[in-house]
């Protein structure tokens, strides 16, 4: 979720965050997006399984990204996901770049539920949704802005990440996102816990969002 400036990560000022609204081309109630995913019954413990889930989430929730090149790759001590672009493709047109969603290996060695993984992938694809709307200059400005913000104190960083959470929530991923946050809280120390609770929706806040905005089943 936290980008590394040297690699121009795109996960997670200089650039105004893009609109977090749902794609208007969706042919079904957007709040039913996540519940309609074809999720595996068993825990996902391989990169191939994670890549397959990413493809499922992208096709169902972000069909406009079908021309984008998006892969998954492991990265140690990441805590826990981030989306970024390959450095040698930054100067390309948005859909000619190569994007990668990186994950910490603990995600596969002690995996959250497939529903939780689908929700966090929906969040990461929400970042890529933004970057596909940025030209190279805007992308570089964004990387500089994000890379110089302190995640423990930055209000604008929290605003941006929470807006990206809302992309997943508006696609019906509330239950999975809540489960993912509970899993994350069990895998971080007290300082990182406070950071996560500041920068992203907590389970209680997710419940409040659903109460205010509705859900697939009403």
C-alpha atoms as a PDB file:
ATOM      1  CA  UNK A   1       0.000   0.000   0.000  1.00  0.00           C
ATOM      2  CA  UNK A   2       2.945   2.314   0.690  1.00  0.00           C
ATOM      3  CA  UNK A   3       4.814   3.102  -2.557  1.00  0.00           C
ATOM      4  CA  UNK A   4       8.584   3.252  -3.046  1.00  0.00           C
ATOM      5  CA  UNK A   5       9.441   6.433  -4.910  1.00  0.00           C
ATOM      6  CA  UNK A   6      12.466   4.975  -6.677  1.00  0.00           C
ATOM      7  CA  UNK A   7      10.233   2.417  -8.396  1.00  0.00           C
ATOM      8  CA  UNK A   8       7.407   4.892  -9.002  1.00  0.00           C
ATOM      9  CA  UNK A   9       4.878   2.695  -7.172  1.00  0.00           C
ATOM     10  CA  UNK A  10       1.241   3.414  -7.809  1.00  0.00           C
ATOM     11  CA  UNK A  11      -0.501   2.039  -4.872  1.00  0.00           C
ATOM     12  CA  UNK A  12      -1.037   4.070  -2.773  1.00  0.00           C
ATOM     13  CA  UNK A  13      -0.495  18.432  -3.246  1.00  0.00           C
ATOM     14  CA  UNK A  14       1.145  17.650  -6.349  1.00  0.00           C
ATOM     15  CA  UNK A  15      -1.698  15.695  -7.862  1.00  0.00           C
ATOM     16  CA  UNK A  16      -5.357  15.849  -6.949  1.00  0.00           C
ATOM     17  CA  UNK A  17      -6.757  12.323  -6.374  1.00  0.00           C
ATOM     18  CA  UNK A  18      -9.148  11.149  -9.053  1.00  0.00           C
ATOM     19  CA  UNK A  19     -12.881  10.653  -8.536  1.00  0.00           C
ATOM     20  CA  UNK A  20     -13.610   7.504  -6.537  1.00  0.00           C
ATOM     21  CA  UNK A  21     -17.009   6.938  -8.132  1.00  0.00           C
ATOM     22  CA  UNK A  22     -18.043   3.660  -9.716  1.00  0.00           C
ATOM     23  CA  UNK A  23     -17.727   3.184 -13.457  1.00  0.00           C
ATOM     24  CA  UNK A  24     -21.017   4.302 -15.009  1.00  0.00           C
ATOM     25  CA  UNK A  25     -20.792   1.524 -17.604  1.00  0.00           C
ATOM     26  CA  UNK A  26     -21.500  -1.192 -15.033  1.00  0.00           C
ATOM     27  CA  UNK A  27     -24.416  -3.302 -16.252  1.00  0.00           C
ATOM     28  CA  UNK A  28     -25.517  -4.346 -12.762  1.00  0.00           C
ATOM     29  CA  UNK A  29     -25.919  -2.724  -9.387  1.00  0.00           C
ATOM     30  CA  UNK A  30     -22.312  -1.806  -8.500  1.00  0.00           C
ATOM     31  CA  UNK A  31     -22.918  -2.748  -4.878  1.00  0.00           C
ATOM     32  CA  UNK A  32     -23.392  -6.325  -6.079  1.00  0.00           C
ATOM     33  CA  UNK A  33     -19.988  -6.461  -7.794  1.00  0.00           C
ATOM     34  CA  UNK A  34     -17.997  -8.258  -5.105  1.00  0.00           C
ATOM     35  CA  UNK A  35     -20.823 -10.654  -4.129  1.00  0.00           C
ATOM     36  CA  UNK A  36     -20.994 -11.805  -7.752  1.00  0.00           C
ATOM     37  CA  UNK A  37     -17.308 -12.777  -7.940  1.00  0.00           C
ATOM     38  CA  UNK A  38     -16.469 -16.435  -8.540  1.00  0.00           C
ATOM     39  CA  UNK A  39     -14.227 -16.940  -5.506  1.00  0.00           C
ATOM     40  CA  UNK A  40     -12.338 -20.142  -4.690  1.00  0.00           C
ATOM     41  CA  UNK A  41     -13.561 -22.106  -1.690  1.00  0.00           C
ATOM     42  CA  UNK A  42     -10.056 -22.793  -0.382  1.00  0.00           C
ATOM     43  CA  UNK A  43      -7.481 -20.305   0.851  1.00  0.00           C
ATOM     44  CA  UNK A  44      -5.201 -18.825  -1.807  1.00  0.00           C
ATOM     45  CA  UNK A  45      -1.618 -19.906  -1.114  1.00  0.00           C
ATOM     46  CA  UNK A  46       0.127 -19.545  -4.487  1.00  0.00           C
ATOM     47  CA  UNK A  47       1.015 -16.606  -6.693  1.00  0.00           C
ATOM     48  CA  UNK A  48      -0.816 -18.256  -9.570  1.00  0.00           C
ATOM     49  CA  UNK A  49      -3.960 -18.353  -7.448  1.00  0.00           C
ATOM     50  CA  UNK A  50      -3.549 -14.699  -6.524  1.00  0.00           C
ATOM     51  CA  UNK A  51      -3.030 -13.779 -10.188  1.00  0.00           C
ATOM     52  CA  UNK A  52      -6.189 -15.678 -11.127  1.00  0.00           C
ATOM     53  CA  UNK A  53      -8.133 -13.818  -8.434  1.00  0.00           C
ATOM     54  CA  UNK A  54      -6.754 -10.501  -9.676  1.00  0.00           C
ATOM     55  CA  UNK A  55      -7.993 -11.317 -13.164  1.00  0.00           C
ATOM     56  CA  UNK A  56     -11.445 -12.207 -11.799  1.00  0.00           C
ATOM     57  CA  UNK A  57     -11.671  -8.963  -9.815  1.00  0.00           C
ATOM     58  CA  UNK A  58     -10.441  -6.829 -12.713  1.00  0.00           C
ATOM     59  CA  UNK A  59     -12.862  -8.329 -15.236  1.00  0.00           C
ATOM     60  CA  UNK A  60     -15.854  -8.051 -12.893  1.00  0.00           C
ATOM     61  CA  UNK A  61     -15.190  -4.745 -11.136  1.00  0.00           C
ATOM     62  CA  UNK A  62     -12.908  -2.763 -13.465  1.00  0.00           C
ATOM     63  CA  UNK A  63     -13.741  -3.996 -16.989  1.00  0.00           C
ATOM     64  CA  UNK A  64     -12.446  -0.714 -18.411  1.00  0.00           C
ATOM     65  CA  UNK A  65      -8.947  -1.908 -17.466  1.00  0.00           C
ATOM     66  CA  UNK A  66      -9.087  -4.868 -19.837  1.00  0.00           C
ATOM     67  CA  UNK A  67      -6.411  -3.345 -22.087  1.00  0.00           C
ATOM     68  CA  UNK A  68      -4.003  -2.710 -19.209  1.00  0.00           C
ATOM     69  CA  UNK A  69      -1.062  -4.978 -18.409  1.00  0.00           C
ATOM     70  CA  UNK A  70      -1.354  -5.819 -14.685  1.00  0.00           C
ATOM     71  CA  UNK A  71       0.678  -8.538 -12.963  1.00  0.00           C
ATOM     72  CA  UNK A  72       1.325  -9.679  -9.377  1.00  0.00           C
ATOM     73  CA  UNK A  73       4.716 -10.160  -7.716  1.00  0.00           C
ATOM     74  CA  UNK A  74       6.038 -10.876  -4.220  1.00  0.00           C
ATOM     75  CA  UNK A  75       8.001  -8.261  -2.281  1.00  0.00           C
ATOM     76  CA  UNK A  76       9.366  -8.882   1.232  1.00  0.00           C
ATOM     77  CA  UNK A  77       8.318  -6.667   4.164  1.00  0.00           C
ATOM     78  CA  UNK A  78       5.768  -4.766   2.125  1.00  0.00           C
ATOM     79  CA  UNK A  79       2.899  -4.463   4.619  1.00  0.00           C
ATOM     80  CA  UNK A  80       0.945  -5.666   2.658  1.00  0.00           C
ATOM     81  CA  UNK A  81       0.056  -4.595  -0.890  1.00  0.00           C
ATOM     82  CA  UNK A  82       0.985  -1.833  -3.303  1.00  0.00           C
ATOM     83  CA  UNK A  83       0.433  -1.104  -6.965  1.00  0.00           C
ATOM     84  CA  UNK A  84       3.145   0.486  -9.076  1.00  0.00           C
ATOM     85  CA  UNK A  85       4.380   0.830 -12.623  1.00  0.00           C
ATOM     86  CA  UNK A  86       7.535  -0.578 -14.178  1.00  0.00           C
ATOM     87  CA  UNK A  87      10.072   2.235 -14.241  1.00  0.00           C
ATOM     88  CA  UNK A  88      10.951   1.758 -17.906  1.00  0.00           C
ATOM     89  CA  UNK A  89       7.310   2.196 -18.941  1.00  0.00           C
ATOM     90  CA  UNK A  90       6.530   5.416 -17.047  1.00  0.00           C
ATOM     91  CA  UNK A  91       6.963   7.516 -20.182  1.00  0.00           C
ATOM     92  CA  UNK A  92       4.521   5.412 -22.179  1.00  0.00           C
ATOM     93  CA  UNK A  93       0.867   6.132 -22.773  1.00  0.00           C
ATOM     94  CA  UNK A  94      -1.208   4.926 -19.772  1.00  0.00           C
ATOM     95  CA  UNK A  95      -2.412   1.690 -21.377  1.00  0.00           C
ATOM     96  CA  UNK A  96       1.064   0.942 -22.764  1.00  0.00           C
ATOM     97  CA  UNK A  97       2.630   0.880 -19.289  1.00  0.00           C
ATOM     98  CA  UNK A  98       3.198  -2.271 -17.244  1.00  0.00           C
ATOM     99  CA  UNK A  99       1.585  -2.237 -13.804  1.00  0.00           C
ATOM    100  CA  UNK A 100       2.329  -4.620 -10.929  1.00  0.00           C
ATOM    101  CA  UNK A 101       0.439  -5.293  -7.706  1.00  0.00           C
ATOM    102  CA  UNK A 102       3.046  -6.397  -5.191  1.00  0.00           C
ATOM    103  CA  UNK A 103       2.218  -8.422  -2.104  1.00  0.00           C
ATOM    104  CA  UNK A 104       4.072  -9.400   1.030  1.00  0.00           C
ATOM    105  CA  UNK A 105       4.744 -13.189   1.101  1.00  0.00           C
ATOM    106  CA  UNK A 106       2.882 -13.453   4.424  1.00  0.00           C
ATOM    107  CA  UNK A 107      -0.294 -12.939   2.390  1.00  0.00           C
ATOM    108  CA  UNK A 108       0.194 -16.441   0.964  1.00  0.00           C
ATOM    109  CA  UNK A 109       1.877 -18.130   3.937  1.00  0.00           C
ATOM    110  CA  UNK A 110      -0.866 -17.069   6.369  1.00  0.00           C
ATOM    111  CA  UNK A 111      -3.625 -16.074   3.955  1.00  0.00           C
ATOM    112  CA  UNK A 112      -6.740 -14.055   4.654  1.00  0.00           C
ATOM    113  CA  UNK A 113      -9.957 -15.305   3.119  1.00  0.00           C
ATOM    114  CA  UNK A 114     -10.399 -15.143  -0.674  1.00  0.00           C
ATOM    115  CA  UNK A 115     -13.161 -12.597  -0.061  1.00  0.00           C
ATOM    116  CA  UNK A 116     -10.719 -10.394   1.869  1.00  0.00           C
ATOM    117  CA  UNK A 117      -8.081 -10.722  -0.841  1.00  0.00           C
ATOM    118  CA  UNK A 118     -10.606  -9.833  -3.532  1.00  0.00           C
ATOM    119  CA  UNK A 119     -11.534  -6.674  -1.635  1.00  0.00           C
ATOM    120  CA  UNK A 120      -7.956  -5.482  -1.196  1.00  0.00           C
ATOM    121  CA  UNK A 121      -7.254  -6.212  -4.862  1.00  0.00           C
ATOM    122  CA  UNK A 122     -10.286  -4.044  -5.671  1.00  0.00           C
ATOM    123  CA  UNK A 123      -8.602  -1.299  -3.633  1.00  0.00           C
ATOM    124  CA  UNK A 124      -5.294  -1.707  -5.495  1.00  0.00           C
ATOM    125  CA  UNK A 125      -7.036  -1.727  -8.875  1.00  0.00           C
ATOM    126  CA  UNK A 126      -8.671   1.502  -7.737  1.00  0.00           C
ATOM    127  CA  UNK A 127      -5.189   3.021  -7.613  1.00  0.00           C
ATOM    128  CA  UNK A 128      -4.402   1.728 -11.076  1.00  0.00           C
ATOM    129  CA  UNK A 129      -7.714   3.184 -12.219  1.00  0.00           C
ATOM    130  CA  UNK A 130      -6.332   6.587 -11.202  1.00  0.00           C
ATOM    131  CA  UNK A 131      -2.940   6.096 -12.835  1.00  0.00           C
ATOM    132  CA  UNK A 132      -4.495   5.071 -16.129  1.00  0.00           C
ATOM    133  CA  UNK A 133      -5.961   8.579 -16.188  1.00  0.00           C
ATOM    134  CA  UNK A 134      -2.575  10.252 -15.611  1.00  0.00           C
ATOM    135  CA  UNK A 135      -0.094  11.291 -18.266  1.00  0.00           C
ATOM    136  CA  UNK A 136       3.596  10.791 -17.484  1.00  0.00           C
ATOM    137  CA  UNK A 137       4.045  14.215 -15.898  1.00  0.00           C
ATOM    138  CA  UNK A 138       1.051  13.774 -13.607  1.00  0.00           C
ATOM    139  CA  UNK A 139       2.242  10.291 -12.687  1.00  0.00           C
ATOM    140  CA  UNK A 140       5.665  11.600 -11.711  1.00  0.00           C
ATOM    141  CA  UNK A 141       4.103  14.417  -9.701  1.00  0.00           C
ATOM    142  CA  UNK A 142       1.907  11.915  -7.903  1.00  0.00           C
ATOM    143  CA  UNK A 143       4.873   9.659  -7.088  1.00  0.00           C
ATOM    144  CA  UNK A 144       6.804  12.605  -5.641  1.00  0.00           C
ATOM    145  CA  UNK A 145       3.813  13.686  -3.579  1.00  0.00           C
ATOM    146  CA  UNK A 146       3.010  10.232  -2.231  1.00  0.00           C
ATOM    147  CA  UNK A 147       6.619   9.272  -1.638  1.00  0.00           C
ATOM    148  CA  UNK A 148       7.275  12.352   0.507  1.00  0.00           C
ATOM    149  CA  UNK A 149       4.147  12.085   2.668  1.00  0.00           C
ATOM    150  CA  UNK A 150       4.458  10.636   6.194  1.00  0.00           C
ATOM    151  CA  UNK A 151       1.811   7.894   6.563  1.00  0.00           C
ATOM    152  CA  UNK A 152       1.742   8.389  10.335  1.00  0.00           C
ATOM    153  CA  UNK A 153       0.730  12.057  10.144  1.00  0.00           C
ATOM    154  CA  UNK A 154      -0.403  13.022   6.634  1.00  0.00           C
ATOM    155  CA  UNK A 155      -4.074  13.984   6.422  1.00  0.00           C
ATOM    156  CA  UNK A 156      -4.005  14.225   2.617  1.00  0.00           C
ATOM    157  CA  UNK A 157      -2.545  10.731   2.323  1.00  0.00           C
ATOM    158  CA  UNK A 158      -5.295   9.353   4.536  1.00  0.00           C
ATOM    159  CA  UNK A 159      -7.904  11.207   2.468  1.00  0.00           C
ATOM    160  CA  UNK A 160      -6.552   9.665  -0.733  1.00  0.00           C
ATOM    161  CA  UNK A 161      -6.353   6.107   0.623  1.00  0.00           C
ATOM    162  CA  UNK A 162      -9.830   6.337   2.119  1.00  0.00           C
ATOM    163  CA  UNK A 163     -11.201   7.595  -1.205  1.00  0.00           C
ATOM    164  CA  UNK A 164      -9.633   4.516  -2.792  1.00  0.00           C
ATOM    165  CA  UNK A 165     -11.233   2.318  -0.133  1.00  0.00           C
ATOM    166  CA  UNK A 166     -14.539   3.827  -1.216  1.00  0.00           C
ATOM    167  CA  UNK A 167     -13.957   2.526  -4.748  1.00  0.00           C
ATOM    168  CA  UNK A 168     -13.906  -0.998  -3.316  1.00  0.00           C
ATOM    169  CA  UNK A 169     -16.841  -0.300  -1.008  1.00  0.00           C
ATOM    170  CA  UNK A 170     -18.914   1.119  -3.862  1.00  0.00           C
ATOM    171  CA  UNK A 171     -18.311  -2.128  -5.766  1.00  0.00           C
ATOM    172  CA  UNK A 172     -19.818  -4.194  -2.951  1.00  0.00           C
ATOM    173  CA  UNK A 173     -16.591  -5.253  -1.227  1.00  0.00           C
ATOM    174  CA  UNK A 174     -17.471  -4.036   2.272  1.00  0.00           C
ATOM    175  CA  UNK A 175     -17.535  -7.443   3.944  1.00  0.00           C
ATOM    176  CA  UNK A 176     -14.266  -8.531   2.387  1.00  0.00           C
ATOM    177  CA  UNK A 177     -12.539  -5.216   3.100  1.00  0.00           C
ATOM    178  CA  UNK A 178     -13.605  -5.408   6.734  1.00  0.00           C
ATOM    179  CA  UNK A 179     -12.200  -8.942   6.954  1.00  0.00           C
ATOM    180  CA  UNK A 180      -8.955  -7.788   5.338  1.00  0.00           C
ATOM    181  CA  UNK A 181      -8.518  -4.986   7.854  1.00  0.00           C
ATOM    182  CA  UNK A 182      -9.123  -7.394  10.741  1.00  0.00           C
ATOM    183  CA  UNK A 183      -6.471  -9.710   9.271  1.00  0.00           C
ATOM    184  CA  UNK A 184      -4.012  -6.823   8.852  1.00  0.00           C
ATOM    185  CA  UNK A 185      -4.545  -5.634  12.433  1.00  0.00           C
ATOM    186  CA  UNK A 186      -3.483  -9.088  13.651  1.00  0.00           C
ATOM    187  CA  UNK A 187      -0.244  -8.874  11.630  1.00  0.00           C
ATOM    188  CA  UNK A 188       1.130  -5.470  12.661  1.00  0.00           C
ATOM    189  CA  UNK A 189       2.597  -3.893  15.773  1.00  0.00           C
ATOM    190  CA  UNK A 190       0.896  -1.115  17.743  1.00  0.00           C
ATOM    191  CA  UNK A 191       2.534   1.740  15.825  1.00  0.00           C
ATOM    192  CA  UNK A 192       1.641   0.313  12.431  1.00  0.00           C
ATOM    193  CA  UNK A 193      -1.865  -0.474  13.684  1.00  0.00           C
ATOM    194  CA  UNK A 194      -2.447   3.196  14.489  1.00  0.00           C
ATOM    195  CA  UNK A 195      -1.186   4.132  11.019  1.00  0.00           C
ATOM    196  CA  UNK A 196      -3.480   1.645   9.302  1.00  0.00           C
ATOM    197  CA  UNK A 197      -6.487   2.823  11.288  1.00  0.00           C
ATOM    198  CA  UNK A 198      -5.735   6.429  10.360  1.00  0.00           C
ATOM    199  CA  UNK A 199      -5.131   5.908   6.663  1.00  0.00           C
ATOM    200  CA  UNK A 200      -7.813   3.324   5.820  1.00  0.00           C
ATOM    201  CA  UNK A 201     -11.395   2.526   6.767  1.00  0.00           C
ATOM    202  CA  UNK A 202     -11.670   0.422   9.928  1.00  0.00           C
ATOM    203  CA  UNK A 203     -14.282  -2.364  10.216  1.00  0.00           C
ATOM    204  CA  UNK A 204     -16.522  -0.078  12.285  1.00  0.00           C
ATOM    205  CA  UNK A 205     -16.191   2.704   9.711  1.00  0.00           C
ATOM    206  CA  UNK A 206     -16.985   0.234   6.948  1.00  0.00           C
ATOM    207  CA  UNK A 207     -20.180  -0.733   8.780  1.00  0.00           C
ATOM    208  CA  UNK A 208     -21.103   2.947   9.014  1.00  0.00           C
ATOM    209  CA  UNK A 209     -20.403   3.437   5.294  1.00  0.00           C
ATOM    210  CA  UNK A 210     -22.729   0.557   4.409  1.00  0.00           C
ATOM    211  CA  UNK A 211     -25.435   1.936   6.670  1.00  0.00           C
ATOM    212  CA  UNK A 212     -25.167   5.280   4.875  1.00  0.00           C
ATOM    213  CA  UNK A 213     -24.799   4.021   1.301  1.00  0.00           C
ATOM    214  CA  UNK A 214     -26.545   0.655   1.210  1.00  0.00           C
ATOM    215  CA  UNK A 215     -25.463  -2.826   0.160  1.00  0.00           C
ATOM    216  CA  UNK A 216     -26.256  -5.381  -2.513  1.00  0.00           C
ATOM    217  CA  UNK A 217     -29.063  -6.934  -0.470  1.00  0.00           C
ATOM    218  CA  UNK A 218     -30.494  -3.582   0.542  1.00  0.00           C
END
